[in-house]
C-alpha atoms as a PDB file:
ATOM      1  CA  MET A   1     -10.786-240.941 -38.246  1.00  0.00           C
ATOM      2  CA  VAL A   2      -7.185-239.851 -37.700  1.00  0.00           C
ATOM      3  CA  ILE A   3      -6.053-243.437 -37.161  1.00  0.00           C
ATOM      4  CA  SER A   4      -8.118-245.081 -39.897  1.00  0.00           C
ATOM      5  CA  LYS A   5      -7.934-242.362 -42.600  1.00  0.00           C
ATOM      6  CA  PRO A   6      -4.942-240.102 -41.970  1.00  0.00           C
ATOM      7  CA  ALA A   7      -3.948-237.297 -44.322  1.00  0.00           C
ATOM      8  CA  HIS A   8      -0.293-238.085 -43.579  1.00  0.00           C
ATOM      9  CA  THR A   9       1.652-240.786 -41.694  1.00  0.00           C
ATOM     10  CA  GLU A  10       5.269-240.902 -40.468  1.00  0.00           C
ATOM     11  CA  MET A  11       7.292-243.466 -38.554  1.00  0.00           C
ATOM     12  CA  GLN A  12       9.487-242.229 -35.704  1.00  0.00           C
ATOM     13  CA  SER A  13      12.913-243.698 -35.057  1.00  0.00           C
ATOM     14  CA  ASP A  14      11.629-245.245 -31.809  1.00  0.00           C
ATOM     15  CA  GLY A  15       8.929-247.193 -33.690  1.00  0.00           C
ATOM     16  CA  ARG A  16       6.038-244.924 -32.783  1.00  0.00           C
ATOM     17  CA  VAL A  17       3.715-243.807 -35.564  1.00  0.00           C
ATOM     18  CA  ARG A  18       2.573-240.216 -36.183  1.00  0.00           C
ATOM     19  CA  LYS A  19      -0.702-239.644 -38.014  1.00  0.00           C
ATOM     20  CA  TRP A  20      -2.431-236.408 -38.956  1.00  0.00           C
ATOM     21  CA  ALA A  21      -5.964-235.656 -40.131  1.00  0.00           C
ATOM     22  CA  GLU A  22      -7.904-232.465 -40.630  1.00  0.00           C
ATOM     23  CA  ILE A  23     -10.644-231.745 -38.121  1.00  0.00           C
ATOM     24  CA  ARG A  24     -12.807-229.463 -40.254  1.00  0.00           C
ATOM     25  CA  GLU A  25     -14.992-228.271 -37.383  1.00  0.00           C
ATOM     26  CA  GLU A  26     -11.872-226.826 -35.743  1.00  0.00           C
ATOM     27  CA  GLY A  27     -10.068-225.827 -38.927  1.00  0.00           C
ATOM     28  CA  LYS A  28      -6.950-227.600 -37.615  1.00  0.00           C
ATOM     29  CA  TYR A  29      -4.971-230.804 -38.008  1.00  0.00           C
ATOM     30  CA  LEU A  30      -4.917-233.312 -35.180  1.00  0.00           C
ATOM     31  CA  ARG A  31      -1.705-235.287 -34.664  1.00  0.00           C
ATOM     32  CA  VAL A  32      -2.041-238.697 -33.026  1.00  0.00           C
ATOM     33  CA  ILE A  33       1.034-240.568 -31.810  1.00  0.00           C
ATOM     34  CA  LEU A  34       0.613-244.349 -31.647  1.00  0.00           C
ATOM     35  CA  LEU A  35       2.887-246.793 -29.875  1.00  0.00           C
ATOM     36  CA  SER A  36       4.834-249.265 -32.011  1.00  0.00           C
ATOM     37  CA  ASP A  37       1.872-251.690 -31.938  1.00  0.00           C
ATOM     38  CA  GLY A  38       0.065-249.229 -34.241  1.00  0.00           C
ATOM     39  CA  GLU A  39      -3.075-249.248 -32.061  1.00  0.00           C
ATOM     40  CA  THR A  40      -2.347-247.792 -28.626  1.00  0.00           C
ATOM     41  CA  VAL A  41      -2.648-243.983 -28.487  1.00  0.00           C
ATOM     42  CA  HIS A  42       0.316-242.383 -26.739  1.00  0.00           C
ATOM     43  CA  ASN A  43      -0.643-238.725 -27.322  1.00  0.00           C
ATOM     44  CA  ALA A  44      -2.961-236.529 -29.408  1.00  0.00           C
ATOM     45  CA  PHE A  45      -2.959-232.769 -29.975  1.00  0.00           C
ATOM     46  CA  PHE A  46      -3.697-230.077 -32.534  1.00  0.00           C
ATOM     47  CA  ASP A  47      -0.543-229.440 -34.573  1.00  0.00           C
ATOM     48  CA  ARG A  48      -0.252-225.770 -35.549  1.00  0.00           C
ATOM     49  CA  ASP A  49       2.867-226.385 -37.608  1.00  0.00           C
ATOM     50  CA  PHE A  50       1.506-229.149 -39.846  1.00  0.00           C
ATOM     51  CA  LYS A  51       1.417-228.165 -43.502  1.00  0.00           C
ATOM     52  CA  LYS A  52      -0.656-230.283 -45.856  1.00  0.00           C
ATOM     53  CA  GLU A  53       1.396-231.681 -48.728  1.00  0.00           C
ATOM     54  CA  VAL A  54       0.232-230.536 -52.125  1.00  0.00           C
END
């Protein structure tokens, strides 16, 4: 869900892609970092500092 329907996406200067999506069951946002190919997951974690854009 995070990869296919993110709430927010950012490109990093190194070509990696950051994507966030709300995980309602946890009440948190999960951040997934993808490699520059846009498919391979490098890292994933709950991001306490993410603020949803209004």
